[in-house]
């Protein structure tokens, strides 16, 4: 069998006409189409009927991250425009603490037109709650492939308030349009809570209070995780083999309560979106790690890109979850904080996720690799059916429910 690293990304290409990419959402979120793939059988449904397809007693897991207005624009005295795209906090490294900062913080950022800004301080005056605040930025170093940017300001407002006042919501580049005021609402899930993502967990965009209520009435238990989606989610695989593609690292947060719920279901869940998939599947490897070394520090909790493939994994899912729960209790934690770089590609063995709600993804993307890992070569049938039957693609497009 071919090694995962030797997979050629060209095998995961398909023709996606530009007119099939949904540039805007539908007026009503849950009126989108739902392509129901159940053990090889394809059905076209409406998303509003999702609860009819989820068995009673299932545990459904949602990513509650909220997209921040991460894109800031500054102008030099020369007239050159510099774009600063906030990726994740560096000092303090904690998202909540950084957002609560009232004087300065350092973030890992992408810098647009960076050749025009080698050094020096850029500033702009922002109105926050009727008060004028001067926001300054300066380059503070490099961390891997990203820039460290120091933000400083007066006025005693929080960094979260500054981003809300001056930042721009970073909608996906493949929409080929600027951010509009309506995106501030439509590019957030109705259950988003925890600020930190630079991209929405788009499978969740279809949910409405009515759909959630129908799931509750069906007897489907709902739970939440947090994975802050990074800009790398839009990064195409440019190498011929996936061995040469570096996955982006993402922050995850999971409650001990959810781990207990997973254990009660035998460690199986329905994941809403690929971000929830990556979070849930990472739990298995984190549990394996603390089972083998209970003295691991919180800073050492990390799932590498190739962790699932570089050795035999013999621990059972219930035992891995039990070890993770025990580690949390020993360390006096009610929530798990970790980072994951997990690559899920054909050859991956799923440990926790039994069904996925997900949108239709870009050709030659790691998200399409994940779908193929889940339903095998039937991804061709699913995508061919969607293209032939008027489904809308990508972030604002239609949805699918996949049961292998």
Protein backbone atom coordinates (compact mmCIF):
# COMPACT_ATOMS: atom_id res chain seq x y z
CA UNK A 1 0.00 0.00 0.00
CA UNK A 2 1.23 3.50 -0.86
CA UNK A 3 2.62 5.46 2.10
CA UNK A 4 0.61 8.51 3.04
CA UNK A 5 3.59 10.76 2.39
CA UNK A 6 3.82 9.46 -1.20
CA UNK A 7 0.29 10.51 -2.16
CA UNK A 8 0.31 12.75 -5.23
CA UNK A 9 -1.99 15.73 -4.80
CA UNK A 10 -2.80 15.63 -8.54
CA UNK A 11 -4.96 12.56 -7.76
CA UNK A 12 -7.29 14.87 -5.79
CA UNK A 13 -8.07 17.37 -8.49
CA UNK A 14 -11.40 18.03 -10.19
CA UNK A 15 -12.83 20.71 -12.43
CA UNK A 16 -14.55 23.47 -10.46
CA UNK A 17 -16.03 26.20 -12.69
CA UNK A 18 -15.95 29.65 -11.10
CA UNK A 19 -19.73 29.97 -11.43
CA UNK A 20 -20.16 27.01 -9.06
CA UNK A 21 -18.36 28.82 -6.24
CA UNK A 22 -20.94 30.49 -4.00
CA UNK A 23 -19.85 34.12 -3.73
CA UNK A 24 -22.62 34.94 -1.24
CA UNK A 25 -24.68 32.90 1.21
CA UNK A 26 -28.34 32.08 0.71
CA UNK A 27 -30.77 34.43 2.42
CA UNK A 28 -31.83 31.67 4.83
CA UNK A 29 -28.96 29.54 6.09
CA UNK A 30 -30.82 26.25 6.41
CA UNK A 31 -32.38 26.41 2.94
CA UNK A 32 -29.11 25.16 1.48
CA UNK A 33 -28.95 21.75 -0.14
CA UNK A 34 -27.70 18.72 1.79
CA UNK A 35 -26.05 15.83 -0.06
CA UNK A 36 -26.57 12.79 2.20
CA UNK A 37 -24.00 10.05 1.58
CA UNK A 38 -24.92 7.02 3.71
CA UNK A 39 -22.76 3.93 3.23
CA UNK A 40 -22.48 4.47 -0.51
CA UNK A 41 -26.06 5.64 -1.14
CA UNK A 42 -26.53 9.25 -2.31
CA UNK A 43 -29.62 11.35 -1.57
CA UNK A 44 -30.36 15.01 -2.12
CA UNK A 45 -32.03 16.62 0.88
CA UNK A 46 -32.50 20.10 2.33
CA UNK A 47 -30.30 21.15 5.25
CA UNK A 48 -33.38 22.00 7.27
CA UNK A 49 -34.06 18.24 7.35
CA UNK A 50 -30.66 17.37 8.82
CA UNK A 51 -32.16 16.05 12.07
CA UNK A 52 -33.97 13.30 10.11
CA UNK A 53 -30.55 11.93 9.10
CA UNK A 54 -28.89 11.91 12.55
CA UNK A 55 -29.78 8.93 14.77
CA UNK A 56 -31.27 9.71 18.17
CA UNK A 57 -28.69 9.39 20.92
CA UNK A 58 -25.82 10.61 18.73
CA UNK A 59 -23.24 13.04 20.09
CA UNK A 60 -22.80 15.94 17.67
CA UNK A 61 -19.74 18.16 18.10
CA UNK A 62 -19.54 21.78 16.92
CA UNK A 63 -16.60 24.18 16.71
CA UNK A 64 -17.61 27.33 18.62
CA UNK A 65 -14.73 29.52 17.41
CA UNK A 66 -15.53 33.06 16.28
CA UNK A 67 -13.84 34.82 13.36
CA UNK A 68 -11.96 37.97 14.33
CA UNK A 69 -11.55 41.08 12.19
CA UNK A 70 -7.93 40.12 11.66
CA UNK A 71 -6.96 42.32 8.71
CA UNK A 72 -5.61 45.80 9.52
CA UNK A 73 -4.42 48.38 6.98
CA UNK A 74 -1.84 51.11 7.61
CA UNK A 75 -0.43 53.76 5.32
CA UNK A 76 3.15 55.01 5.32
CA UNK A 77 4.05 58.66 4.84
CA UNK A 78 5.13 57.71 1.32
CA UNK A 79 1.59 56.57 0.56
CA UNK A 80 2.41 52.84 0.49
CA UNK A 81 -0.32 50.71 2.04
CA UNK A 82 0.79 47.99 4.47
CA UNK A 83 -1.57 45.19 5.45
CA UNK A 84 -1.12 43.42 8.78
CA UNK A 85 -2.99 40.12 9.04
CA UNK A 86 -3.18 38.81 12.63
CA UNK A 87 -2.75 35.03 12.84
CA UNK A 88 -2.30 34.19 16.51
CA UNK A 89 -1.03 35.83 19.70
CA UNK A 90 2.64 35.55 20.65
CA UNK A 91 2.99 37.65 23.81
CA UNK A 92 0.92 36.94 25.73
CA UNK A 93 0.44 33.67 23.85
CA UNK A 94 -2.99 33.11 25.41
CA UNK A 95 -5.85 34.29 23.17
CA UNK A 96 -8.03 35.57 25.97
CA UNK A 97 -5.22 37.43 27.70
CA UNK A 98 -4.12 39.00 24.42
CA UNK A 99 -7.63 40.17 23.57
CA UNK A 100 -7.96 41.64 27.07
CA UNK A 101 -4.65 43.55 26.80
CA UNK A 102 -5.16 47.29 27.20
CA UNK A 103 -1.72 48.66 26.29
CA UNK A 104 0.28 46.32 24.04
CA UNK A 105 0.59 42.80 22.69
CA UNK A 106 2.62 40.90 20.08
CA UNK A 107 1.02 38.75 17.38
CA UNK A 108 2.28 36.44 14.68
CA UNK A 109 1.19 38.12 11.47
CA UNK A 110 1.36 38.03 7.71
CA UNK A 111 2.48 41.38 6.32
CA UNK A 112 1.31 42.52 2.92
CA UNK A 113 3.66 44.77 0.93
CA UNK A 114 6.32 43.93 3.53
CA UNK A 115 9.19 45.06 1.28
CA UNK A 116 7.94 48.62 1.79
CA UNK A 117 8.04 48.29 5.58
CA UNK A 118 11.44 47.14 6.79
CA UNK A 119 11.37 49.03 10.09
CA UNK A 120 9.81 51.98 11.88
CA UNK A 121 6.46 52.57 13.52
CA UNK A 122 3.19 52.86 11.61
CA UNK A 123 0.12 54.35 13.24
CA UNK A 124 -3.49 55.26 12.70
CA UNK A 125 -6.16 56.97 14.77
CA UNK A 126 -9.20 54.80 15.52
CA UNK A 127 -12.51 55.76 17.08
CA UNK A 128 -13.54 53.23 19.72
CA UNK A 129 -16.75 53.86 21.60
CA UNK A 130 -16.62 57.54 20.77
CA UNK A 131 -13.00 57.90 21.91
CA UNK A 132 -10.01 58.45 19.65
CA UNK A 133 -7.23 55.89 20.12
CA UNK A 134 -3.84 55.90 18.39
CA UNK A 135 -2.83 52.37 17.36
CA UNK A 136 0.85 51.81 16.55
CA UNK A 137 2.56 48.79 14.98
CA UNK A 138 6.21 47.87 14.60
CA UNK A 139 7.98 44.74 13.43
CA UNK A 140 9.38 42.81 16.38
CA UNK A 141 11.13 39.90 14.66
CA UNK A 142 10.38 36.73 12.75
CA UNK A 143 8.93 33.40 13.92
CA UNK A 144 9.33 30.74 11.25
CA UNK A 145 7.52 31.94 8.14
CA UNK A 146 5.59 34.72 9.86
CA UNK A 147 6.39 38.16 11.24
CA UNK A 148 6.12 39.19 14.86
CA UNK A 149 4.30 42.50 15.11
CA UNK A 150 4.04 44.57 18.28
CA UNK A 151 0.79 46.51 18.74
CA UNK A 152 0.68 49.39 21.20
CA UNK A 153 -2.03 51.95 21.87
CA UNK A 154 -3.36 54.50 24.29
CA UNK A 155 -6.85 55.06 25.61
CA UNK A 156 -7.22 52.03 27.88
CA UNK A 157 -9.39 50.00 25.48
CA UNK A 158 -8.86 46.27 24.88
CA UNK A 159 -7.18 44.78 21.83
CA UNK A 160 -10.45 42.99 21.06
CA UNK A 161 -12.21 46.36 20.91
CA UNK A 162 -9.50 47.72 18.62
CA UNK A 163 -9.88 44.85 16.16
CA UNK A 164 -13.65 45.23 16.17
CA UNK A 165 -13.31 48.95 15.43
CA UNK A 166 -10.48 48.95 12.90
CA UNK A 167 -10.12 45.43 11.56
CA UNK A 168 -11.63 43.82 8.50
CA UNK A 169 -13.20 40.36 8.46
CA UNK A 170 -10.93 38.14 6.30
CA UNK A 171 -13.31 36.33 3.95
CA UNK A 172 -11.75 33.58 1.79
CA UNK A 173 -9.58 34.75 -1.11
CA UNK A 174 -11.33 32.42 -3.56
CA UNK A 175 -14.50 34.51 -3.30
CA UNK A 176 -12.64 37.13 -5.37
CA UNK A 177 -14.43 40.06 -3.76
CA UNK A 178 -13.97 42.47 -0.90
CA UNK A 179 -15.47 42.03 2.55
CA UNK A 180 -18.95 43.52 2.84
CA UNK A 181 -20.85 44.63 5.92
CA UNK A 182 -23.20 41.62 5.63
CA UNK A 183 -20.25 39.22 5.95
CA UNK A 184 -19.79 40.29 9.58
CA UNK A 185 -22.96 38.34 10.33
CA UNK A 186 -23.18 35.70 7.62
CA UNK A 187 -19.54 34.57 7.97
CA UNK A 188 -20.11 33.62 11.62
CA UNK A 189 -21.94 30.55 12.88
CA UNK A 190 -25.01 31.23 15.04
CA UNK A 191 -23.25 29.47 17.94
CA UNK A 192 -19.85 31.17 17.63
CA UNK A 193 -18.45 32.29 21.00
CA UNK A 194 -14.68 32.14 21.39
CA UNK A 195 -12.76 34.75 19.38
CA UNK A 196 -9.62 33.62 17.58
CA UNK A 197 -10.20 32.28 14.05
CA UNK A 198 -9.21 34.00 10.84
CA UNK A 199 -11.58 31.76 8.87
CA UNK A 200 -15.02 30.42 9.70
CA UNK A 201 -15.70 26.72 10.37
CA UNK A 202 -17.94 26.86 7.33
CA UNK A 203 -19.90 23.64 7.79
CA UNK A 204 -21.52 25.38 10.74
CA UNK A 205 -22.76 28.31 8.65
CA UNK A 206 -25.85 26.30 7.63
CA UNK A 207 -27.18 25.86 11.17
CA UNK A 208 -30.07 27.96 12.45
CA UNK A 209 -31.76 27.95 15.87
CA UNK A 210 -34.55 25.94 14.24
CA UNK A 211 -32.20 23.20 13.02
CA UNK A 212 -30.49 23.05 16.42
CA UNK A 213 -33.87 22.81 18.13
CA UNK A 214 -34.90 19.97 15.80
CA UNK A 215 -31.72 18.08 16.72
CA UNK A 216 -32.52 18.55 20.40
CA UNK A 217 -36.04 17.26 19.87
CA UNK A 218 -34.63 14.26 18.02
CA UNK A 219 -32.58 13.35 21.09
CA UNK A 220 -29.22 14.31 19.59
CA UNK A 221 -26.78 15.54 22.23
CA UNK A 222 -24.78 18.63 21.29
CA UNK A 223 -21.30 19.55 22.52
CA UNK A 224 -18.68 22.11 21.54
CA UNK A 225 -14.93 22.28 21.00
CA UNK A 226 -12.75 25.22 20.03
CA UNK A 227 -10.28 25.12 17.16
CA UNK A 228 -9.05 28.51 16.01
CA UNK A 229 -8.82 28.20 12.23
CA UNK A 230 -5.61 29.64 10.81
CA UNK A 231 -4.92 31.24 7.45
CA UNK A 232 -3.26 27.97 6.43
CA UNK A 233 -6.71 26.51 5.85
CA UNK A 234 -6.70 28.41 2.51
CA UNK A 235 -3.16 27.30 1.68
CA UNK A 236 -3.22 25.10 -1.45
CA UNK A 237 -0.99 22.06 -1.69
CA UNK A 238 1.62 23.26 -4.17
CA UNK A 239 4.01 20.33 -3.86
CA UNK A 240 3.57 17.24 -6.02
CA UNK A 241 3.62 14.91 -3.00
CA UNK A 242 1.92 15.71 0.31
CA UNK A 243 5.17 14.75 2.05
CA UNK A 244 6.44 18.19 1.02
CA UNK A 245 3.41 20.10 2.28
CA UNK A 246 3.60 21.57 5.78
CA UNK A 247 0.32 21.64 7.68
CA UNK A 248 -0.46 24.75 9.68
CA UNK A 249 -0.60 24.46 13.46
CA UNK A 250 -3.88 25.27 15.16
CA UNK A 251 -4.92 25.90 18.75
CA UNK A 252 -7.56 23.60 20.24
CA UNK A 253 -9.50 23.69 23.47
CA UNK A 254 -11.68 20.84 24.75
CA UNK A 255 -13.53 20.52 28.06
CA UNK A 256 -13.15 17.55 30.38
CA UNK A 257 -16.95 17.33 30.22
CA UNK A 258 -16.83 16.61 26.49
CA UNK A 259 -14.22 13.89 27.00
CA UNK A 260 -16.57 12.27 29.52
CA UNK A 261 -19.42 12.47 26.98
CA UNK A 262 -17.22 10.85 24.34
CA UNK A 263 -16.36 8.05 26.73
CA UNK A 264 -20.07 7.51 27.41
CA UNK A 265 -20.71 7.06 23.67
CA UNK A 266 -17.82 4.64 23.24
CA UNK A 267 -15.64 7.41 21.84
CA UNK A 268 -17.75 8.05 18.74
CA UNK A 269 -19.15 11.36 17.51
CA UNK A 270 -20.71 13.20 14.57
CA UNK A 271 -18.35 16.06 13.69
CA UNK A 272 -19.64 19.34 12.28
CA UNK A 273 -16.89 20.46 9.94
CA UNK A 274 -13.33 19.40 9.25
CA UNK A 275 -12.12 21.60 12.13
CA UNK A 276 -14.15 19.52 14.58
CA UNK A 277 -12.79 16.38 12.89
CA UNK A 278 -9.20 17.52 13.41
CA UNK A 279 -9.89 18.44 17.02
CA UNK A 280 -11.63 15.19 17.91
CA UNK A 281 -9.13 12.95 16.15
CA UNK A 282 -6.26 14.83 17.83
CA UNK A 283 -7.70 13.80 21.21
CA UNK A 284 -6.82 10.17 20.51
CA UNK A 285 -3.13 10.95 19.95
CA UNK A 286 -2.96 13.34 22.90
CA UNK A 287 -4.47 10.61 25.06
CA UNK A 288 -1.95 8.12 23.74
CA UNK A 289 0.86 10.53 24.58
CA UNK A 290 -0.18 11.08 28.21
CA UNK A 291 -0.92 7.38 28.66
CA UNK A 292 2.71 6.68 27.77
CA UNK A 293 4.09 9.67 29.68
CA UNK A 294 1.71 11.00 32.37
CA UNK A 295 4.29 13.62 33.40
CA UNK A 296 3.97 15.57 30.12
CA UNK A 297 3.57 19.29 30.72
CA UNK A 298 0.72 21.27 29.14
CA UNK A 299 3.27 22.91 26.82
CA UNK A 300 4.25 19.49 25.46
CA UNK A 301 0.73 18.59 24.32
CA UNK A 302 1.01 18.72 20.56
CA UNK A 303 -0.03 16.48 17.67
CA UNK A 304 2.45 16.56 14.81
CA UNK A 305 1.59 16.37 11.13
CA UNK A 306 2.74 12.78 10.75
CA UNK A 307 1.95 11.52 14.28
CA UNK A 308 -0.84 9.22 13.03
CA UNK A 309 1.49 7.47 10.58
CA UNK A 310 4.94 7.24 12.14
CA UNK A 311 4.31 4.20 14.36
CA UNK A 312 1.79 1.57 15.43
CA UNK A 313 -1.07 2.92 17.54
CA UNK A 314 -2.46 0.09 19.65
CA UNK A 315 -4.19 1.89 22.52
CA UNK A 316 -7.99 1.74 22.29
CA UNK A 317 -9.99 4.94 21.91
CA UNK A 318 -11.71 4.55 25.32
CA UNK A 319 -8.32 4.00 27.00
CA UNK A 320 -6.81 7.03 25.25
CA UNK A 321 -9.72 9.22 26.35
CA UNK A 322 -9.53 7.85 29.89
CA UNK A 323 -5.81 8.65 30.04
CA UNK A 324 -6.46 12.19 28.83
CA UNK A 325 -9.18 12.71 31.43
CA UNK A 326 -6.90 11.35 34.15
CA UNK A 327 -4.12 13.70 33.04
CA UNK A 328 -6.47 16.68 33.24
CA UNK A 329 -7.62 15.69 36.74
CA UNK A 330 -4.04 15.17 37.92
CA UNK A 331 -3.08 18.60 36.63
CA UNK A 332 -6.14 20.27 38.13
CA UNK A 333 -7.54 21.27 34.72
CA UNK A 334 -11.14 21.25 33.57
CA UNK A 335 -10.15 22.14 30.00
CA UNK A 336 -7.51 20.78 27.64
CA UNK A 337 -5.39 23.35 25.79
CA UNK A 338 -3.13 22.02 23.02
CA UNK A 339 -1.96 22.51 19.44
CA UNK A 340 -2.48 20.22 16.49
CA UNK A 341 -0.84 19.97 13.10
CA UNK A 342 -2.59 16.73 12.21
CA UNK A 343 -2.70 15.67 8.56
CA UNK A 344 -5.68 13.44 7.77
CA UNK A 345 -5.21 11.80 4.39
CA UNK A 346 -6.05 8.48 2.71
CA UNK A 347 -4.58 5.72 4.87
CA UNK A 348 -5.64 7.42 8.09
CA UNK A 349 -7.61 5.30 10.59
CA UNK A 350 -10.42 7.26 12.24
CA UNK A 351 -10.65 6.74 15.97
CA UNK A 352 -13.50 8.99 17.11
CA UNK A 353 -15.45 10.51 14.20
CA UNK A 354 -18.23 8.33 12.76
CA UNK A 355 -19.97 10.91 10.53
CA UNK A 356 -19.14 14.36 9.17
CA UNK A 357 -21.19 17.39 8.18
CA UNK A 358 -19.01 19.32 5.76
CA UNK A 359 -19.08 21.66 2.73
CA UNK A 360 -17.62 20.97 -0.71
CA UNK A 361 -13.91 21.74 -0.73
CA UNK A 362 -11.34 23.10 -3.13
CA UNK A 363 -9.55 20.80 -5.58
CA UNK A 364 -6.08 19.66 -4.46
CA UNK A 365 -6.68 20.73 -0.85
CA UNK A 366 -5.91 19.03 2.46
CA UNK A 367 -9.64 19.23 3.24
CA UNK A 368 -10.42 17.10 0.18
CA UNK A 369 -7.74 14.66 1.33
CA UNK A 370 -9.61 14.40 4.65
CA UNK A 371 -12.89 13.65 2.88
CA UNK A 372 -11.18 10.97 0.80
CA UNK A 373 -9.67 9.46 3.93
CA UNK A 374 -13.20 9.22 5.35
CA UNK A 375 -15.20 7.80 2.42
CA UNK A 376 -12.46 6.52 0.13
CA UNK A 377 -12.63 6.89 -3.63
CA UNK A 378 -16.36 7.54 -3.37
CA UNK A 379 -15.39 11.20 -2.98
CA UNK A 380 -15.41 11.22 -6.81
CA UNK A 381 -19.06 10.08 -6.84
CA UNK A 382 -20.05 12.64 -4.23
CA UNK A 383 -18.38 15.56 -6.00
CA UNK A 384 -19.52 14.48 -9.46
CA UNK A 385 -23.09 14.25 -8.16
CA UNK A 386 -22.82 17.71 -6.57
CA UNK A 387 -21.47 19.25 -9.78
CA UNK A 388 -24.12 17.59 -11.94
CA UNK A 389 -27.02 18.55 -9.66
CA UNK A 390 -26.48 22.23 -9.06
CA UNK A 391 -24.83 22.19 -5.65
CA UNK A 392 -22.96 25.34 -4.63
CA UNK A 393 -19.31 24.95 -3.58
CA UNK A 394 -16.87 26.22 -0.92
CA UNK A 395 -17.44 28.42 2.14
CA UNK A 396 -20.86 29.90 1.32
CA UNK A 397 -21.96 26.83 -0.62
CA UNK A 398 -24.10 23.80 0.15
CA UNK A 399 -23.42 20.99 2.59
CA UNK A 400 -23.01 17.24 2.82
CA UNK A 401 -23.50 14.62 5.51
CA UNK A 402 -21.02 11.77 5.07
CA UNK A 403 -21.50 8.38 6.75
CA UNK A 404 -18.88 5.83 5.59
